[in-house]
Amino acid sequence: MNRKLKNSELKRLNVSEFKNAPKIPVIVVLDNIRSLNNIGSVFRTADAFLIKEIFLCGITARPPHKDIHKTALGATDSVDWRYFSTTDAAIENLQKKGVKIVSIEQVEKAIPLQDFNVKPDETYALVFGNEVKGVQQNIINRSDYCIEIPQFGTKHSLNISVSAGVVLWEFVKKIKLSLKS
């Protein structure tokens, strides 16, 4: 029989240890996300996977906010974030630093997530779009890559926080595996 672990047994980092820990070279870009619960959930996922930073763009709400905090559970204190009035401004900032822009969207010639070759020496900005409209076309046009999460049911999309969890885990897994080899 397996015993459920207590929180004290999980050996998680405290906030200052998190701040000083080496991060996965990924920046999450939230392109006009409406739901504060989705924003908080992305913060919590970014904390879980030691993601470098989150860029909050356009109408995306910023901490502190009780509805973000409800799902982030304190991750707004550990994960670095910045706000940009437009996603274009965020992308321009990232491109000047040589960061690879990856839009998570269903587009012509999108690369299936499982087929995307993640290079551990690159920094990636993963752009997740608005719950209704997705990633803006002008941001897709500026992207180095577009990735699609394969889906097999009747629905046309996943919730943005679910998409972020799936994509971030895949990137973290591929980066950690490549560093071991």
N, C-alpha and C. Protein backbone atom coordinates (compact mmCIF):
# COMPACT_ATOMS: atom_id res chain seq x y z
N MET A 1 0.84 -1.18 0.00
CA MET A 1 0.00 0.00 0.00
C MET A 1 0.89 1.25 0.00
N ASN A 2 0.53 2.22 -0.79
CA ASN A 2 1.26 3.48 -0.84
C ASN A 2 0.66 4.50 0.11
N ARG A 3 1.50 5.17 0.85
CA ARG A 3 1.06 6.20 1.78
C ARG A 3 1.18 7.57 1.11
N LYS A 4 0.13 8.34 1.22
CA LYS A 4 0.15 9.70 0.69
C LYS A 4 1.17 10.52 1.47
N LEU A 5 2.01 11.28 0.74
CA LEU A 5 3.05 12.09 1.39
C LEU A 5 2.45 13.35 2.00
N LYS A 6 3.05 13.78 3.09
CA LYS A 6 2.70 15.06 3.71
C LYS A 6 3.43 16.16 2.97
N ASN A 7 2.88 17.36 3.00
CA ASN A 7 3.54 18.49 2.33
C ASN A 7 4.98 18.65 2.80
N SER A 8 5.22 18.43 4.07
CA SER A 8 6.58 18.58 4.61
C SER A 8 7.56 17.56 4.03
N GLU A 9 7.05 16.47 3.46
CA GLU A 9 7.91 15.43 2.89
C GLU A 9 8.20 15.66 1.40
N LEU A 10 7.57 16.65 0.78
CA LEU A 10 7.70 16.86 -0.65
C LEU A 10 9.00 17.56 -1.04
N LYS A 11 9.69 18.15 -0.10
CA LYS A 11 10.99 18.80 -0.34
C LYS A 11 10.91 19.88 -1.42
N ARG A 12 9.91 20.74 -1.31
CA ARG A 12 9.75 21.85 -2.24
C ARG A 12 10.63 23.02 -1.80
N LEU A 13 10.95 23.87 -2.76
CA LEU A 13 11.74 25.07 -2.49
C LEU A 13 10.89 26.11 -1.78
N ASN A 14 11.54 26.94 -0.96
CA ASN A 14 10.83 28.12 -0.47
C ASN A 14 11.00 29.22 -1.52
N VAL A 15 10.37 30.36 -1.33
CA VAL A 15 10.39 31.42 -2.36
C VAL A 15 11.81 31.90 -2.65
N SER A 16 12.62 32.11 -1.63
CA SER A 16 13.98 32.60 -1.92
C SER A 16 14.82 31.53 -2.62
N GLU A 17 14.64 30.27 -2.25
CA GLU A 17 15.35 29.19 -2.96
C GLU A 17 14.89 29.12 -4.42
N PHE A 18 13.58 29.29 -4.65
CA PHE A 18 13.06 29.30 -6.01
C PHE A 18 13.70 30.44 -6.81
N LYS A 19 13.73 31.63 -6.22
CA LYS A 19 14.29 32.80 -6.91
C LYS A 19 15.75 32.56 -7.32
N ASN A 20 16.50 31.82 -6.49
CA ASN A 20 17.92 31.58 -6.76
C ASN A 20 18.20 30.32 -7.58
N ALA A 21 17.19 29.50 -7.79
CA ALA A 21 17.39 28.23 -8.51
C ALA A 21 17.55 28.48 -10.01
N PRO A 22 18.35 27.65 -10.70
CA PRO A 22 18.43 27.76 -12.16
C PRO A 22 17.06 27.47 -12.77
N LYS A 23 16.68 28.28 -13.73
CA LYS A 23 15.35 28.17 -14.33
C LYS A 23 15.40 27.46 -15.68
N ILE A 24 14.26 26.90 -16.04
CA ILE A 24 14.07 26.35 -17.39
C ILE A 24 14.03 27.56 -18.33
N PRO A 25 14.76 27.54 -19.46
CA PRO A 25 14.83 28.71 -20.34
C PRO A 25 13.56 28.93 -21.17
N VAL A 26 12.47 29.16 -20.46
CA VAL A 26 11.16 29.37 -21.10
C VAL A 26 10.50 30.58 -20.45
N ILE A 27 9.95 31.44 -21.30
CA ILE A 27 9.15 32.58 -20.86
C ILE A 27 7.74 32.34 -21.39
N VAL A 28 6.77 32.44 -20.51
CA VAL A 28 5.37 32.30 -20.92
C VAL A 28 4.84 33.68 -21.24
N VAL A 29 4.21 33.81 -22.41
CA VAL A 29 3.60 35.07 -22.83
C VAL A 29 2.10 34.86 -22.87
N LEU A 30 1.37 35.61 -22.04
CA LEU A 30 -0.09 35.51 -22.02
C LEU A 30 -0.66 36.67 -22.84
N ASP A 31 -1.21 36.32 -23.98
CA ASP A 31 -1.72 37.27 -24.97
C ASP A 31 -3.21 37.55 -24.72
N ASN A 32 -3.48 38.58 -23.91
CA ASN A 32 -4.85 39.04 -23.68
C ASN A 32 -5.75 37.96 -23.08
N ILE A 33 -5.31 37.38 -21.98
CA ILE A 33 -6.08 36.36 -21.28
C ILE A 33 -7.13 37.05 -20.41
N ARG A 34 -8.38 36.60 -20.53
CA ARG A 34 -9.50 37.23 -19.81
C ARG A 34 -9.68 36.68 -18.41
N SER A 35 -9.52 35.39 -18.23
CA SER A 35 -9.87 34.74 -16.96
C SER A 35 -8.74 34.85 -15.95
N LEU A 36 -9.07 35.45 -14.82
CA LEU A 36 -8.08 35.57 -13.76
C LEU A 36 -7.72 34.20 -13.18
N ASN A 37 -8.66 33.27 -13.19
CA ASN A 37 -8.35 31.91 -12.75
C ASN A 37 -7.34 31.24 -13.68
N ASN A 38 -7.47 31.46 -14.98
CA ASN A 38 -6.48 30.92 -15.92
C ASN A 38 -5.10 31.53 -15.67
N ILE A 39 -5.06 32.82 -15.42
CA ILE A 39 -3.79 33.49 -15.16
C ILE A 39 -3.14 32.89 -13.91
N GLY A 40 -3.90 32.75 -12.85
CA GLY A 40 -3.38 32.17 -11.62
C GLY A 40 -2.90 30.74 -11.81
N SER A 41 -3.64 29.98 -12.59
CA SER A 41 -3.26 28.60 -12.86
C SER A 41 -1.94 28.53 -13.63
N VAL A 42 -1.74 29.43 -14.57
CA VAL A 42 -0.48 29.46 -15.32
C VAL A 42 0.68 29.82 -14.38
N PHE A 43 0.47 30.74 -13.47
CA PHE A 43 1.51 31.07 -12.49
C PHE A 43 1.89 29.82 -11.68
N ARG A 44 0.89 29.10 -11.23
CA ARG A 44 1.14 27.91 -10.41
C ARG A 44 1.90 26.84 -11.19
N THR A 45 1.53 26.66 -12.46
CA THR A 45 2.23 25.69 -13.31
C THR A 45 3.67 26.15 -13.58
N ALA A 46 3.85 27.45 -13.82
CA ALA A 46 5.19 27.99 -14.05
C ALA A 46 6.08 27.77 -12.82
N ASP A 47 5.51 27.92 -11.64
CA ASP A 47 6.25 27.65 -10.42
C ASP A 47 6.63 26.17 -10.35
N ALA A 48 5.69 25.29 -10.64
CA ALA A 48 5.93 23.85 -10.55
C ALA A 48 7.10 23.41 -11.42
N PHE A 49 7.26 24.05 -12.57
CA PHE A 49 8.28 23.63 -13.54
C PHE A 49 9.50 24.55 -13.60
N LEU A 50 9.65 25.47 -12.63
CA LEU A 50 10.80 26.39 -12.59
C LEU A 50 10.95 27.20 -13.88
N ILE A 51 9.84 27.73 -14.37
CA ILE A 51 9.85 28.54 -15.59
C ILE A 51 10.46 29.90 -15.28
N LYS A 52 11.22 30.41 -16.22
CA LYS A 52 12.00 31.64 -16.03
C LYS A 52 11.14 32.86 -15.70
N GLU A 53 10.05 33.08 -16.47
CA GLU A 53 9.31 34.33 -16.31
C GLU A 53 7.98 34.24 -17.04
N ILE A 54 7.05 35.11 -16.66
CA ILE A 54 5.77 35.24 -17.35
C ILE A 54 5.63 36.69 -17.79
N PHE A 55 5.23 36.88 -19.05
CA PHE A 55 4.89 38.20 -19.58
C PHE A 55 3.37 38.28 -19.68
N LEU A 56 2.80 39.26 -19.00
CA LEU A 56 1.36 39.50 -19.01
C LEU A 56 1.10 40.64 -19.98
N CYS A 57 0.26 40.41 -20.98
CA CYS A 57 0.11 41.38 -22.06
C CYS A 57 -1.34 41.82 -22.27
N GLY A 58 -1.49 43.10 -22.62
CA GLY A 58 -2.80 43.62 -22.99
C GLY A 58 -3.78 43.59 -21.83
N ILE A 59 -4.94 42.96 -22.05
CA ILE A 59 -5.99 42.92 -21.02
C ILE A 59 -5.71 41.89 -19.92
N THR A 60 -4.64 41.14 -20.04
CA THR A 60 -4.30 40.15 -19.02
C THR A 60 -4.09 40.87 -17.69
N ALA A 61 -4.83 40.45 -16.68
CA ALA A 61 -4.74 41.09 -15.36
C ALA A 61 -3.40 40.78 -14.71
N ARG A 62 -3.04 41.63 -13.75
CA ARG A 62 -1.76 41.51 -13.05
C ARG A 62 -1.98 41.30 -11.56
N PRO A 63 -1.05 40.60 -10.93
CA PRO A 63 -1.11 40.51 -9.47
C PRO A 63 -0.84 41.89 -8.86
N PRO A 64 -1.25 42.14 -7.67
CA PRO A 64 -2.05 41.26 -6.82
C PRO A 64 -3.54 41.38 -7.17
N HIS A 65 -4.20 40.27 -7.20
CA HIS A 65 -5.64 40.22 -7.40
C HIS A 65 -6.15 38.94 -6.75
N LYS A 66 -7.24 39.05 -6.00
CA LYS A 66 -7.71 37.89 -5.23
C LYS A 66 -8.07 36.71 -6.11
N ASP A 67 -8.60 36.95 -7.32
CA ASP A 67 -8.97 35.83 -8.20
C ASP A 67 -7.76 35.17 -8.85
N ILE A 68 -6.70 35.92 -9.07
CA ILE A 68 -5.45 35.31 -9.53
C ILE A 68 -4.85 34.50 -8.37
N HIS A 69 -4.84 35.10 -7.19
CA HIS A 69 -4.26 34.44 -6.01
C HIS A 69 -4.97 33.13 -5.68
N LYS A 70 -6.29 33.09 -5.92
CA LYS A 70 -7.08 31.90 -5.58
C LYS A 70 -6.54 30.66 -6.27
N THR A 71 -6.08 30.77 -7.51
CA THR A 71 -5.55 29.61 -8.22
C THR A 71 -4.02 29.57 -8.22
N ALA A 72 -3.37 30.71 -8.08
CA ALA A 72 -1.90 30.74 -8.06
C ALA A 72 -1.34 30.22 -6.75
N LEU A 73 -2.09 30.35 -5.68
CA LEU A 73 -1.67 29.88 -4.36
C LEU A 73 -0.27 30.34 -3.98
N GLY A 74 0.03 31.61 -4.24
CA GLY A 74 1.32 32.17 -3.84
C GLY A 74 2.38 32.17 -4.93
N ALA A 75 2.10 31.55 -6.06
CA ALA A 75 3.10 31.48 -7.14
C ALA A 75 3.41 32.85 -7.74
N THR A 76 2.55 33.84 -7.51
CA THR A 76 2.86 35.19 -8.00
C THR A 76 4.01 35.80 -7.22
N ASP A 77 4.32 35.23 -6.05
CA ASP A 77 5.47 35.68 -5.27
C ASP A 77 6.77 35.02 -5.73
N SER A 78 6.68 33.82 -6.28
CA SER A 78 7.89 33.09 -6.66
C SER A 78 8.28 33.32 -8.13
N VAL A 79 7.31 33.32 -9.02
CA VAL A 79 7.59 33.43 -10.45
C VAL A 79 7.71 34.90 -10.85
N ASP A 80 8.82 35.24 -11.50
CA ASP A 80 9.00 36.60 -12.00
C ASP A 80 8.00 36.88 -13.12
N TRP A 81 7.51 38.12 -13.16
CA TRP A 81 6.58 38.50 -14.22
C TRP A 81 6.76 39.97 -14.55
N ARG A 82 6.35 40.28 -15.79
CA ARG A 82 6.37 41.67 -16.27
C ARG A 82 5.10 41.92 -17.06
N TYR A 83 4.69 43.16 -17.08
CA TYR A 83 3.49 43.54 -17.83
C TYR A 83 3.89 44.38 -19.05
N PHE A 84 3.24 44.10 -20.17
CA PHE A 84 3.39 44.89 -21.41
C PHE A 84 2.00 45.30 -21.86
N SER A 85 1.84 46.54 -22.29
CA SER A 85 0.52 47.01 -22.71
C SER A 85 0.04 46.31 -23.97
N THR A 86 0.97 45.80 -24.78
CA THR A 86 0.60 45.02 -25.97
C THR A 86 1.50 43.79 -26.06
N THR A 87 0.98 42.76 -26.68
CA THR A 87 1.78 41.56 -26.91
C THR A 87 2.89 41.87 -27.90
N ASP A 88 2.62 42.76 -28.87
CA ASP A 88 3.65 43.18 -29.82
C ASP A 88 4.88 43.73 -29.10
N ALA A 89 4.66 44.55 -28.07
CA ALA A 89 5.77 45.13 -27.32
C ALA A 89 6.57 44.03 -26.62
N ALA A 90 5.88 43.05 -26.07
CA ALA A 90 6.57 41.94 -25.41
C ALA A 90 7.40 41.14 -26.42
N ILE A 91 6.82 40.86 -27.57
CA ILE A 91 7.52 40.08 -28.60
C ILE A 91 8.74 40.85 -29.10
N GLU A 92 8.59 42.15 -29.30
CA GLU A 92 9.73 42.97 -29.73
C GLU A 92 10.86 42.90 -28.71
N ASN A 93 10.51 43.00 -27.43
CA ASN A 93 11.49 42.90 -26.36
C ASN A 93 12.22 41.56 -26.41
N LEU A 94 11.48 40.50 -26.59
CA LEU A 94 12.06 39.15 -26.61
C LEU A 94 12.93 38.92 -27.84
N GLN A 95 12.47 39.39 -29.01
CA GLN A 95 13.24 39.19 -30.24
C GLN A 95 14.57 39.93 -30.19
N LYS A 96 14.59 41.09 -29.55
CA LYS A 96 15.86 41.83 -29.41
C LYS A 96 16.88 41.03 -28.61
N LYS A 97 16.40 40.14 -27.75
CA LYS A 97 17.28 39.31 -26.92
C LYS A 97 17.57 37.96 -27.56
N GLY A 98 17.07 37.73 -28.77
CA GLY A 98 17.33 36.46 -29.46
C GLY A 98 16.48 35.30 -28.99
N VAL A 99 15.40 35.59 -28.28
CA VAL A 99 14.51 34.54 -27.79
C VAL A 99 13.67 34.02 -28.95
N LYS A 100 13.50 32.71 -29.04
CA LYS A 100 12.67 32.09 -30.08
C LYS A 100 11.20 32.20 -29.67
N ILE A 101 10.40 32.74 -30.58
CA ILE A 101 8.97 32.95 -30.31
C ILE A 101 8.19 31.75 -30.84
N VAL A 102 7.41 31.13 -29.95
CA VAL A 102 6.64 29.94 -30.30
C VAL A 102 5.18 30.18 -29.92
N SER A 103 4.34 30.33 -30.93
CA SER A 103 2.91 30.50 -30.67
C SER A 103 2.25 29.12 -30.56
N ILE A 104 1.42 28.96 -29.57
CA ILE A 104 0.68 27.72 -29.38
C ILE A 104 -0.69 27.97 -30.00
N GLU A 105 -0.86 27.47 -31.23
CA GLU A 105 -2.06 27.81 -31.99
C GLU A 105 -2.26 26.81 -33.12
N GLN A 106 -3.51 26.68 -33.54
CA GLN A 106 -3.85 25.82 -34.67
C GLN A 106 -3.74 26.66 -35.94
N VAL A 107 -2.66 26.44 -36.67
CA VAL A 107 -2.40 27.18 -37.90
C VAL A 107 -1.96 26.21 -38.99
N GLU A 108 -2.00 26.68 -40.23
CA GLU A 108 -1.45 25.87 -41.32
C GLU A 108 0.01 25.57 -41.01
N LYS A 109 0.42 24.37 -41.26
CA LYS A 109 1.81 23.94 -41.08
C LYS A 109 2.30 24.01 -39.64
N ALA A 110 1.38 23.97 -38.67
CA ALA A 110 1.80 23.92 -37.27
C ALA A 110 2.56 22.63 -37.02
N ILE A 111 3.53 22.69 -36.13
CA ILE A 111 4.29 21.50 -35.75
C ILE A 111 3.56 20.83 -34.60
N PRO A 112 3.26 19.54 -34.71
CA PRO A 112 2.67 18.84 -33.56
C PRO A 112 3.62 18.91 -32.37
N LEU A 113 3.08 19.17 -31.20
CA LEU A 113 3.89 19.36 -30.00
C LEU A 113 4.93 18.25 -29.82
N GLN A 114 4.52 17.01 -30.00
CA GLN A 114 5.45 15.90 -29.75
C GLN A 114 6.60 15.87 -30.77
N ASP A 115 6.46 16.54 -31.90
CA ASP A 115 7.50 16.55 -32.94
C ASP A 115 8.43 17.76 -32.85
N PHE A 116 8.12 18.71 -31.98
CA PHE A 116 8.95 19.91 -31.88
C PHE A 116 10.26 19.58 -31.20
N ASN A 117 11.36 19.98 -31.83
CA ASN A 117 12.70 19.72 -31.32
C ASN A 117 13.12 20.88 -30.41
N VAL A 118 13.11 20.65 -29.11
CA VAL A 118 13.51 21.67 -28.14
C VAL A 118 15.01 21.60 -27.94
N LYS A 119 15.67 22.74 -28.09
CA LYS A 119 17.12 22.81 -27.89
C LYS A 119 17.39 23.43 -26.52
N PRO A 120 18.11 22.74 -25.66
CA PRO A 120 18.31 23.22 -24.30
C PRO A 120 19.13 24.51 -24.20
N ASP A 121 19.88 24.85 -25.24
CA ASP A 121 20.68 26.07 -25.21
C ASP A 121 19.93 27.29 -25.76
N GLU A 122 18.68 27.12 -26.16
CA GLU A 122 17.84 28.22 -26.64
C GLU A 122 16.91 28.67 -25.52
N THR A 123 16.50 29.93 -25.58
CA THR A 123 15.43 30.41 -24.71
C THR A 123 14.20 30.56 -25.59
N TYR A 124 13.08 30.05 -25.09
CA TYR A 124 11.83 30.06 -25.84
C TYR A 124 10.80 30.92 -25.12
N ALA A 125 10.03 31.66 -25.91
CA ALA A 125 8.85 32.36 -25.40
C ALA A 125 7.64 31.63 -25.97
N LEU A 126 6.84 31.07 -25.09
CA LEU A 126 5.64 30.33 -25.50
C LEU A 126 4.44 31.25 -25.36
N VAL A 127 3.79 31.53 -26.49
CA VAL A 127 2.68 32.47 -26.50
C VAL A 127 1.36 31.70 -26.46
N PHE A 128 0.57 32.00 -25.42
CA PHE A 128 -0.75 31.41 -25.26
C PHE A 128 -1.78 32.52 -25.44
N GLY A 129 -2.80 32.25 -26.27
CA GLY A 129 -3.74 33.29 -26.66
C GLY A 129 -5.03 33.34 -25.88
N ASN A 130 -5.77 34.38 -26.18
CA ASN A 130 -7.07 34.67 -25.60
C ASN A 130 -8.01 33.47 -25.70
N GLU A 131 -8.84 33.31 -24.69
CA GLU A 131 -9.74 32.17 -24.59
C GLU A 131 -10.70 32.03 -25.76
N VAL A 132 -11.05 33.13 -26.41
CA VAL A 132 -11.99 33.08 -27.53
C VAL A 132 -11.27 33.22 -28.87
N LYS A 133 -10.37 34.19 -28.97
CA LYS A 133 -9.74 34.52 -30.26
C LYS A 133 -8.39 33.85 -30.49
N GLY A 134 -7.82 33.26 -29.45
CA GLY A 134 -6.51 32.63 -29.61
C GLY A 134 -5.40 33.65 -29.71
N VAL A 135 -4.26 33.22 -30.24
CA VAL A 135 -3.10 34.11 -30.43
C VAL A 135 -3.41 35.03 -31.61
N GLN A 136 -3.12 36.30 -31.44
CA GLN A 136 -3.36 37.28 -32.51
C GLN A 136 -2.57 36.92 -33.76
N GLN A 137 -3.17 37.13 -34.92
CA GLN A 137 -2.52 36.80 -36.19
C GLN A 137 -1.20 37.54 -36.36
N ASN A 138 -1.13 38.80 -35.94
CA ASN A 138 0.13 39.54 -36.10
C ASN A 138 1.24 38.93 -35.24
N ILE A 139 0.88 38.29 -34.13
CA ILE A 139 1.88 37.62 -33.30
C ILE A 139 2.29 36.30 -33.96
N ILE A 140 1.32 35.60 -34.52
CA ILE A 140 1.64 34.37 -35.28
C ILE A 140 2.61 34.71 -36.41
N ASN A 141 2.37 35.82 -37.10
CA ASN A 141 3.24 36.23 -38.20
C ASN A 141 4.67 36.51 -37.74
N ARG A 142 4.84 36.91 -36.50
CA ARG A 142 6.16 37.24 -35.96
C ARG A 142 6.83 36.04 -35.30
N SER A 143 6.14 34.93 -35.21
CA SER A 143 6.64 33.76 -34.49
C SER A 143 7.67 32.99 -35.32
N ASP A 144 8.65 32.43 -34.62
CA ASP A 144 9.62 31.55 -35.26
C ASP A 144 9.00 30.19 -35.54
N TYR A 145 8.09 29.76 -34.66
CA TYR A 145 7.42 28.47 -34.80
C TYR A 145 5.99 28.59 -34.30
N CYS A 146 5.15 27.71 -34.81
CA CYS A 146 3.80 27.54 -34.27
C CYS A 146 3.63 26.06 -33.95
N ILE A 147 3.19 25.80 -32.74
CA ILE A 147 3.01 24.44 -32.27
C ILE A 147 1.53 24.20 -32.00
N GLU A 148 1.10 22.99 -32.33
CA GLU A 148 -0.28 22.59 -32.06
C GLU A 148 -0.28 21.37 -31.15
N ILE A 149 -1.16 21.37 -30.18
CA ILE A 149 -1.36 20.20 -29.33
C ILE A 149 -2.36 19.30 -30.04
N PRO A 150 -1.96 18.08 -30.42
CA PRO A 150 -2.91 17.20 -31.10
C PRO A 150 -4.12 16.91 -30.21
N GLN A 151 -5.28 16.90 -30.83
CA GLN A 151 -6.52 16.59 -30.14
C GLN A 151 -7.32 15.61 -30.99
N PHE A 152 -8.06 14.75 -30.34
CA PHE A 152 -8.71 13.67 -31.07
C PHE A 152 -10.22 13.60 -30.86
N GLY A 153 -10.78 14.46 -30.04
CA GLY A 153 -12.22 14.43 -29.76
C GLY A 153 -13.00 15.41 -30.62
N THR A 154 -14.12 15.84 -30.10
CA THR A 154 -15.02 16.72 -30.86
C THR A 154 -14.74 18.20 -30.65
N LYS A 155 -14.05 18.57 -29.58
CA LYS A 155 -13.81 19.98 -29.27
C LYS A 155 -12.65 20.52 -30.12
N HIS A 156 -12.68 21.82 -30.33
CA HIS A 156 -11.68 22.47 -31.19
C HIS A 156 -10.50 23.07 -30.45
N SER A 157 -10.60 23.09 -29.11
CA SER A 157 -9.50 23.71 -28.37
C SER A 157 -9.49 23.19 -26.93
N LEU A 158 -8.40 23.52 -26.25
CA LEU A 158 -8.25 23.23 -24.82
C LEU A 158 -8.28 24.55 -24.06
N ASN A 159 -8.64 24.50 -22.80
CA ASN A 159 -8.55 25.67 -21.94
C ASN A 159 -7.09 26.14 -21.92
N ILE A 160 -6.88 27.44 -21.86
CA ILE A 160 -5.51 27.97 -21.94
C ILE A 160 -4.63 27.46 -20.80
N SER A 161 -5.18 27.32 -19.60
CA SER A 161 -4.34 26.83 -18.50
C SER A 161 -3.99 25.35 -18.69
N VAL A 162 -4.88 24.59 -19.29
CA VAL A 162 -4.57 23.19 -19.61
C VAL A 162 -3.50 23.14 -20.70
N SER A 163 -3.68 23.96 -21.73
CA SER A 163 -2.67 24.02 -22.81
C SER A 163 -1.30 24.37 -22.25
N ALA A 164 -1.27 25.35 -21.36
CA ALA A 164 0.01 25.75 -20.76
C ALA A 164 0.64 24.59 -20.00
N GLY A 165 -0.15 23.86 -19.24
CA GLY A 165 0.38 22.72 -18.50
C GLY A 165 0.95 21.66 -19.41
N VAL A 166 0.23 21.34 -20.48
CA VAL A 166 0.67 20.31 -21.42
C VAL A 166 1.97 20.74 -22.11
N VAL A 167 1.99 21.95 -22.63
CA VAL A 167 3.15 22.43 -23.40
C VAL A 167 4.36 22.63 -22.49
N LEU A 168 4.15 23.24 -21.33
CA LEU A 168 5.28 23.46 -20.43
C LEU A 168 5.90 22.14 -19.98
N TRP A 169 5.06 21.16 -19.67
CA TRP A 169 5.61 19.86 -19.27
C TRP A 169 6.42 19.26 -20.41
N GLU A 170 5.93 19.33 -21.62
CA GLU A 170 6.65 18.76 -22.77
C GLU A 170 8.00 19.45 -22.95
N PHE A 171 8.04 20.78 -22.84
CA PHE A 171 9.30 21.51 -22.97
C PHE A 171 10.26 21.15 -21.84
N VAL A 172 9.76 21.14 -20.60
CA VAL A 172 10.60 20.80 -19.46
C VAL A 172 11.16 19.39 -19.62
N LYS A 173 10.32 18.46 -19.98
CA LYS A 173 10.74 17.07 -20.16
C LYS A 173 11.84 16.97 -21.21
N LYS A 174 11.64 17.62 -22.36
CA LYS A 174 12.63 17.54 -23.43
C LYS A 174 13.94 18.23 -23.04
N ILE A 175 13.86 19.36 -22.36
CA ILE A 175 15.08 20.07 -21.94
C ILE A 175 15.84 19.23 -20.91
N LYS A 176 15.14 18.71 -19.92
CA LYS A 176 15.81 17.91 -18.87
C LYS A 176 16.41 16.63 -19.47
N LEU A 177 15.71 15.99 -20.39
CA LEU A 177 16.24 14.77 -21.02
C LEU A 177 17.49 15.08 -21.84
N SER A 178 17.47 16.20 -22.58
CA SER A 178 18.63 16.52 -23.41
C SER A 178 19.84 16.90 -22.57
N LEU A 179 19.62 17.46 -21.38
CA LEU A 179 20.73 17.81 -20.51
C LEU A 179 21.37 16.58 -19.89
N LYS A 180 20.60 15.50 -19.76
CA LYS A 180 21.13 14.26 -19.21
C LYS A 180 21.96 13.49 -20.21
N SER A 181 21.70 13.70 -21.51
CA SER A 181 22.43 12.91 -22.53
C SER A 181 23.69 13.57 -23.00
